[in-house]
């Protein structure tokens, strides 16, 4: 075997191992990361921000409506599934365009959230913005689940699901505790900007 041929085979192998369907470690890390990014805004909005609003004497009923509005898009995942299955086929595949689009739009919605200076006086606007973000996050969740079914071998699905769940729990904890600390110490704008930065990194 010549040097050039050996080099080409090693190079091709290095490229191949980067594909999710062929690299177990990369699959675990990627699915963990995707769910970490989903848990982060959930922990911030549903725990840190909800508790902050309660401490600021916002009506309990309004906080309950805020939480319900954020949860509504997640209850519509049965609608998103057929949509993402039937639309968009590109050179990138069926799933990746949806994942990228949902992530970009979710990030944009959070960037708009950072423009809300006072979450108490702009509570209703904030509720709508977080609901819009939840739409994109729930769509991404559906697509990531579909991708997992497609590329993860059946005997690895249990472990992969464990990494996905661990990512969600870790992200929720960071969003609730970490961003909650920033929210109380430095203010809402800093907390929202930190969240957007983490999601965009």
C-alpha atoms as a PDB file:
ATOM      1  CA  UNK A   1       0.000   0.000   0.000  1.00  0.00           C
ATOM      2  CA  UNK A   2       1.476   3.316  -1.066  1.00  0.00           C
ATOM      3  CA  UNK A   3       1.787   6.328   1.194  1.00  0.00           C
ATOM      4  CA  UNK A   4      -0.761   8.309  -0.792  1.00  0.00           C
ATOM      5  CA  UNK A   5      -3.319   5.506  -0.636  1.00  0.00           C
ATOM      6  CA  UNK A   6      -2.810   5.028   3.091  1.00  0.00           C
ATOM      7  CA  UNK A   7      -3.167   8.768   3.696  1.00  0.00           C
ATOM      8  CA  UNK A   8      -6.364   8.865   1.637  1.00  0.00           C
ATOM      9  CA  UNK A   9      -7.898   5.973   3.573  1.00  0.00           C
ATOM     10  CA  UNK A  10      -7.051   7.532   6.931  1.00  0.00           C
ATOM     11  CA  UNK A  11      -8.467  10.860   5.795  1.00  0.00           C
ATOM     12  CA  UNK A  12     -11.656   9.242   4.542  1.00  0.00           C
ATOM     13  CA  UNK A  13     -12.004   7.319   7.786  1.00  0.00           C
ATOM     14  CA  UNK A  14     -11.599  10.517   9.808  1.00  0.00           C
ATOM     15  CA  UNK A  15     -14.374  12.127   7.812  1.00  0.00           C
ATOM     16  CA  UNK A  16     -16.607   9.105   8.161  1.00  0.00           C
ATOM     17  CA  UNK A  17     -16.289   8.952  11.935  1.00  0.00           C
ATOM     18  CA  UNK A  18     -17.707  12.459  12.198  1.00  0.00           C
ATOM     19  CA  UNK A  19     -21.111  11.331  10.987  1.00  0.00           C
ATOM     20  CA  UNK A  20     -23.630  10.836  13.781  1.00  0.00           C
ATOM     21  CA  UNK A  21     -24.837   7.536  12.381  1.00  0.00           C
ATOM     22  CA  UNK A  22     -21.324   6.076  12.571  1.00  0.00           C
ATOM     23  CA  UNK A  23     -19.850   7.567  15.720  1.00  0.00           C
ATOM     24  CA  UNK A  24     -21.407   6.516  19.010  1.00  0.00           C
ATOM     25  CA  UNK A  25     -19.547   9.039  21.185  1.00  0.00           C
ATOM     26  CA  UNK A  26     -20.469  11.885  18.863  1.00  0.00           C
ATOM     27  CA  UNK A  27     -24.119  10.772  18.952  1.00  0.00           C
ATOM     28  CA  UNK A  28     -24.209  10.765  22.741  1.00  0.00           C
ATOM     29  CA  UNK A  29     -22.520  14.171  22.970  1.00  0.00           C
ATOM     30  CA  UNK A  30     -24.692  15.724  20.262  1.00  0.00           C
ATOM     31  CA  UNK A  31     -28.012  14.536  21.621  1.00  0.00           C
ATOM     32  CA  UNK A  32     -26.949  15.528  25.142  1.00  0.00           C
ATOM     33  CA  UNK A  33     -26.069  19.002  23.849  1.00  0.00           C
ATOM     34  CA  UNK A  34     -29.311  19.447  21.947  1.00  0.00           C
ATOM     35  CA  UNK A  35     -31.375  18.587  24.995  1.00  0.00           C
ATOM     36  CA  UNK A  36     -29.177  20.732  27.213  1.00  0.00           C
ATOM     37  CA  UNK A  37     -30.116  23.677  24.984  1.00  0.00           C
ATOM     38  CA  UNK A  38     -33.800  22.782  25.310  1.00  0.00           C
ATOM     39  CA  UNK A  39     -33.651  22.508  29.094  1.00  0.00           C
ATOM     40  CA  UNK A  40     -31.888  25.836  29.593  1.00  0.00           C
ATOM     41  CA  UNK A  41     -34.780  28.130  28.544  1.00  0.00           C
ATOM     42  CA  UNK A  42     -37.299  25.837  30.219  1.00  0.00           C
ATOM     43  CA  UNK A  43     -35.515  26.132  33.553  1.00  0.00           C
ATOM     44  CA  UNK A  44     -35.172  29.888  33.155  1.00  0.00           C
ATOM     45  CA  UNK A  45     -38.755  30.644  32.155  1.00  0.00           C
ATOM     46  CA  UNK A  46     -40.691  28.063  34.173  1.00  0.00           C
ATOM     47  CA  UNK A  47     -38.663  28.184  37.385  1.00  0.00           C
ATOM     48  CA  UNK A  48     -36.323  31.172  37.681  1.00  0.00           C
ATOM     49  CA  UNK A  49     -38.546  33.749  35.993  1.00  0.00           C
ATOM     50  CA  UNK A  50     -41.781  32.393  37.455  1.00  0.00           C
ATOM     51  CA  UNK A  51     -40.320  32.610  40.980  1.00  0.00           C
ATOM     52  CA  UNK A  52     -38.969  36.091  40.256  1.00  0.00           C
ATOM     53  CA  UNK A  53     -42.397  37.273  39.127  1.00  0.00           C
ATOM     54  CA  UNK A  54     -43.982  35.791  42.238  1.00  0.00           C
ATOM     55  CA  UNK A  55     -41.463  37.647  44.409  1.00  0.00           C
ATOM     56  CA  UNK A  56     -42.361  40.831  42.535  1.00  0.00           C
ATOM     57  CA  UNK A  57     -46.009  40.340  43.548  1.00  0.00           C
ATOM     58  CA  UNK A  58     -47.327  39.440  40.102  1.00  0.00           C
ATOM     59  CA  UNK A  59     -50.752  37.811  40.424  1.00  0.00           C
ATOM     60  CA  UNK A  60     -50.584  34.040  40.855  1.00  0.00           C
ATOM     61  CA  UNK A  61     -53.212  33.516  38.192  1.00  0.00           C
ATOM     62  CA  UNK A  62     -51.192  35.493  35.671  1.00  0.00           C
ATOM     63  CA  UNK A  63     -48.066  33.500  36.459  1.00  0.00           C
ATOM     64  CA  UNK A  64     -50.076  30.310  35.987  1.00  0.00           C
ATOM     65  CA  UNK A  65     -51.285  31.585  32.607  1.00  0.00           C
ATOM     66  CA  UNK A  66     -47.674  32.438  31.709  1.00  0.00           C
ATOM     67  CA  UNK A  67     -46.536  28.890  32.475  1.00  0.00           C
ATOM     68  CA  UNK A  68     -49.509  27.389  30.615  1.00  0.00           C
ATOM     69  CA  UNK A  69     -48.859  29.537  27.542  1.00  0.00           C
ATOM     70  CA  UNK A  70     -45.247  28.379  27.396  1.00  0.00           C
ATOM     71  CA  UNK A  71     -46.355  24.769  27.724  1.00  0.00           C
ATOM     72  CA  UNK A  72     -49.004  25.018  25.003  1.00  0.00           C
ATOM     73  CA  UNK A  73     -46.645  24.510  21.999  1.00  0.00           C
ATOM     74  CA  UNK A  74     -45.255  21.394  23.657  1.00  0.00           C
ATOM     75  CA  UNK A  75     -48.768  20.004  23.802  1.00  0.00           C
ATOM     76  CA  UNK A  76     -48.999  20.486  20.029  1.00  0.00           C
ATOM     77  CA  UNK A  77     -46.046  18.245  19.201  1.00  0.00           C
ATOM     78  CA  UNK A  78     -48.446  15.830  17.528  1.00  0.00           C
ATOM     79  CA  UNK A  79     -49.059  18.615  14.981  1.00  0.00           C
ATOM     80  CA  UNK A  80     -45.385  19.395  14.383  1.00  0.00           C
ATOM     81  CA  UNK A  81     -44.525  15.744  13.674  1.00  0.00           C
ATOM     82  CA  UNK A  82     -46.423  15.339  10.374  1.00  0.00           C
ATOM     83  CA  UNK A  83     -45.308  18.792   9.258  1.00  0.00           C
ATOM     84  CA  UNK A  84     -41.586  18.117   9.641  1.00  0.00           C
ATOM     85  CA  UNK A  85     -41.982  14.664   8.090  1.00  0.00           C
ATOM     86  CA  UNK A  86     -43.578  15.963   4.904  1.00  0.00           C
ATOM     87  CA  UNK A  87     -41.799  19.244   4.280  1.00  0.00           C
ATOM     88  CA  UNK A  88     -38.215  20.055   3.302  1.00  0.00           C
ATOM     89  CA  UNK A  89     -35.879  17.607   1.649  1.00  0.00           C
ATOM     90  CA  UNK A  90     -32.474  19.013   0.809  1.00  0.00           C
ATOM     91  CA  UNK A  91     -28.882  17.998   0.262  1.00  0.00           C
ATOM     92  CA  UNK A  92     -28.481  18.359   4.029  1.00  0.00           C
ATOM     93  CA  UNK A  93     -31.071  15.644   4.617  1.00  0.00           C
ATOM     94  CA  UNK A  94     -34.608  15.760   5.951  1.00  0.00           C
ATOM     95  CA  UNK A  95     -33.860  16.621   9.569  1.00  0.00           C
ATOM     96  CA  UNK A  96     -30.877  18.948   9.717  1.00  0.00           C
ATOM     97  CA  UNK A  97     -32.566  21.900   7.933  1.00  0.00           C
ATOM     98  CA  UNK A  98     -35.386  21.774  10.486  1.00  0.00           C
ATOM     99  CA  UNK A  99     -32.978  21.562  13.420  1.00  0.00           C
ATOM    100  CA  UNK A 100     -30.941  24.515  12.163  1.00  0.00           C
ATOM    101  CA  UNK A 101     -34.030  26.591  11.316  1.00  0.00           C
ATOM    102  CA  UNK A 102     -35.683  25.908  14.675  1.00  0.00           C
ATOM    103  CA  UNK A 103     -32.470  26.716  16.567  1.00  0.00           C
ATOM    104  CA  UNK A 104     -31.937  29.984  14.696  1.00  0.00           C
ATOM    105  CA  UNK A 105     -35.542  31.127  15.198  1.00  0.00           C
ATOM    106  CA  UNK A 106     -35.480  30.122  18.863  1.00  0.00           C
ATOM    107  CA  UNK A 107     -32.316  32.175  19.310  1.00  0.00           C
ATOM    108  CA  UNK A 108     -33.835  35.173  17.516  1.00  0.00           C
ATOM    109  CA  UNK A 109     -36.889  35.046  19.750  1.00  0.00           C
ATOM    110  CA  UNK A 110     -34.628  35.114  22.815  1.00  0.00           C
ATOM    111  CA  UNK A 111     -32.682  38.045  21.421  1.00  0.00           C
ATOM    112  CA  UNK A 112     -35.979  39.928  21.228  1.00  0.00           C
ATOM    113  CA  UNK A 113     -36.654  38.922  24.846  1.00  0.00           C
ATOM    114  CA  UNK A 114     -33.436  40.692  25.883  1.00  0.00           C
ATOM    115  CA  UNK A 115     -34.986  43.949  24.688  1.00  0.00           C
ATOM    116  CA  UNK A 116     -37.670  43.740  27.394  1.00  0.00           C
ATOM    117  CA  UNK A 117     -36.292  45.973  30.120  1.00  0.00           C
ATOM    118  CA  UNK A 118     -38.844  45.269  32.842  1.00  0.00           C
ATOM    119  CA  UNK A 119     -40.459  41.804  32.937  1.00  0.00           C
ATOM    120  CA  UNK A 120     -43.107  42.906  35.415  1.00  0.00           C
ATOM    121  CA  UNK A 121     -44.465  45.917  33.531  1.00  0.00           C
ATOM    122  CA  UNK A 122     -44.129  44.078  30.195  1.00  0.00           C
ATOM    123  CA  UNK A 123     -45.423  40.777  31.490  1.00  0.00           C
ATOM    124  CA  UNK A 124     -47.914  40.047  28.693  1.00  0.00           C
ATOM    125  CA  UNK A 125     -45.407  40.828  25.951  1.00  0.00           C
ATOM    126  CA  UNK A 126     -42.904  38.586  27.687  1.00  0.00           C
ATOM    127  CA  UNK A 127     -45.474  35.777  27.822  1.00  0.00           C
ATOM    128  CA  UNK A 128     -46.048  35.979  24.066  1.00  0.00           C
ATOM    129  CA  UNK A 129     -42.316  36.050  23.307  1.00  0.00           C
ATOM    130  CA  UNK A 130     -41.606  33.013  25.451  1.00  0.00           C
ATOM    131  CA  UNK A 131     -44.548  31.218  23.838  1.00  0.00           C
ATOM    132  CA  UNK A 132     -43.075  31.923  20.398  1.00  0.00           C
ATOM    133  CA  UNK A 133     -39.737  30.595  21.604  1.00  0.00           C
ATOM    134  CA  UNK A 134     -41.480  27.463  22.897  1.00  0.00           C
ATOM    135  CA  UNK A 135     -42.951  26.868  19.434  1.00  0.00           C
ATOM    136  CA  UNK A 136     -39.486  26.691  17.883  1.00  0.00           C
ATOM    137  CA  UNK A 137     -38.055  24.685  20.791  1.00  0.00           C
ATOM    138  CA  UNK A 138     -40.861  22.115  20.591  1.00  0.00           C
ATOM    139  CA  UNK A 139     -40.421  21.785  16.827  1.00  0.00           C
ATOM    140  CA  UNK A 140     -36.721  21.173  17.345  1.00  0.00           C
ATOM    141  CA  UNK A 141     -37.533  18.566  19.980  1.00  0.00           C
ATOM    142  CA  UNK A 142     -39.755  16.688  17.527  1.00  0.00           C
ATOM    143  CA  UNK A 143     -37.089  16.760  14.817  1.00  0.00           C
ATOM    144  CA  UNK A 144     -34.310  15.645  17.165  1.00  0.00           C
ATOM    145  CA  UNK A 145     -36.460  12.731  18.344  1.00  0.00           C
ATOM    146  CA  UNK A 146     -37.160  11.747  14.739  1.00  0.00           C
ATOM    147  CA  UNK A 147     -33.459  11.957  13.921  1.00  0.00           C
ATOM    148  CA  UNK A 148     -32.640   9.738  16.892  1.00  0.00           C
ATOM    149  CA  UNK A 149     -35.080   7.093  15.684  1.00  0.00           C
ATOM    150  CA  UNK A 150     -33.523   7.195  12.226  1.00  0.00           C
ATOM    151  CA  UNK A 151     -29.825   7.013  13.064  1.00  0.00           C
ATOM    152  CA  UNK A 152     -29.479   5.393  16.498  1.00  0.00           C
ATOM    153  CA  UNK A 153     -29.179   1.593  16.426  1.00  0.00           C
ATOM    154  CA  UNK A 154     -32.019  -0.107  18.244  1.00  0.00           C
ATOM    155  CA  UNK A 155     -29.753  -1.619  20.901  1.00  0.00           C
ATOM    156  CA  UNK A 156     -28.399   1.871  21.758  1.00  0.00           C
ATOM    157  CA  UNK A 157     -31.680   3.754  21.987  1.00  0.00           C
ATOM    158  CA  UNK A 158     -32.068   3.280  25.715  1.00  0.00           C
ATOM    159  CA  UNK A 159     -28.620   4.689  26.471  1.00  0.00           C
ATOM    160  CA  UNK A 160     -29.058   7.496  23.958  1.00  0.00           C
ATOM    161  CA  UNK A 161     -32.367   8.399  25.568  1.00  0.00           C
ATOM    162  CA  UNK A 162     -30.596   8.517  28.924  1.00  0.00           C
ATOM    163  CA  UNK A 163     -28.116  11.057  27.530  1.00  0.00           C
ATOM    164  CA  UNK A 164     -31.006  13.071  26.092  1.00  0.00           C
ATOM    165  CA  UNK A 165     -32.791  13.074  29.436  1.00  0.00           C
ATOM    166  CA  UNK A 166     -29.583  13.948  31.275  1.00  0.00           C
ATOM    167  CA  UNK A 167     -29.063  16.881  28.931  1.00  0.00           C
ATOM    168  CA  UNK A 168     -32.591  18.127  29.546  1.00  0.00           C
ATOM    169  CA  UNK A 169     -32.253  17.866  33.331  1.00  0.00           C
ATOM    170  CA  UNK A 170     -28.816  19.513  33.320  1.00  0.00           C
ATOM    171  CA  UNK A 171     -30.020  22.355  31.123  1.00  0.00           C
ATOM    172  CA  UNK A 172     -33.104  22.865  33.277  1.00  0.00           C
ATOM    173  CA  UNK A 173     -30.945  23.010  36.408  1.00  0.00           C
ATOM    174  CA  UNK A 174     -28.577  25.551  34.854  1.00  0.00           C
ATOM    175  CA  UNK A 175     -31.495  27.635  33.623  1.00  0.00           C
ATOM    176  CA  UNK A 176     -33.268  27.546  36.969  1.00  0.00           C
ATOM    177  CA  UNK A 177     -30.340  27.980  39.356  1.00  0.00           C
ATOM    178  CA  UNK A 178     -27.633  29.667  37.296  1.00  0.00           C
ATOM    179  CA  UNK A 179     -29.807  32.069  35.339  1.00  0.00           C
ATOM    180  CA  UNK A 180     -31.987  32.559  38.409  1.00  0.00           C
ATOM    181  CA  UNK A 181     -28.945  33.827  40.283  1.00  0.00           C
ATOM    182  CA  UNK A 182     -28.046  36.191  37.444  1.00  0.00           C
ATOM    183  CA  UNK A 183     -31.659  37.365  37.264  1.00  0.00           C
ATOM    184  CA  UNK A 184     -31.797  38.279  40.932  1.00  0.00           C
ATOM    185  CA  UNK A 185     -28.247  39.676  41.152  1.00  0.00           C
ATOM    186  CA  UNK A 186     -27.805  41.544  37.876  1.00  0.00           C
ATOM    187  CA  UNK A 187     -31.317  41.894  36.485  1.00  0.00           C
ATOM    188  CA  UNK A 188     -33.521  40.431  33.784  1.00  0.00           C
ATOM    189  CA  UNK A 189     -31.612  41.822  30.795  1.00  0.00           C
ATOM    190  CA  UNK A 190     -28.361  40.207  31.907  1.00  0.00           C
ATOM    191  CA  UNK A 191     -30.080  36.882  32.559  1.00  0.00           C
ATOM    192  CA  UNK A 192     -31.830  36.872  29.179  1.00  0.00           C
ATOM    193  CA  UNK A 193     -28.621  37.931  27.395  1.00  0.00           C
ATOM    194  CA  UNK A 194     -26.653  35.164  29.118  1.00  0.00           C
ATOM    195  CA  UNK A 195     -29.275  32.633  28.044  1.00  0.00           C
ATOM    196  CA  UNK A 196     -29.172  33.839  24.440  1.00  0.00           C
ATOM    197  CA  UNK A 197     -25.359  33.716  24.470  1.00  0.00           C
ATOM    198  CA  UNK A 198     -25.335  30.143  25.747  1.00  0.00           C
ATOM    199  CA  UNK A 199     -27.858  29.027  23.141  1.00  0.00           C
ATOM    200  CA  UNK A 200     -25.958  30.757  20.371  1.00  0.00           C
ATOM    201  CA  UNK A 201     -22.563  29.346  21.299  1.00  0.00           C
END
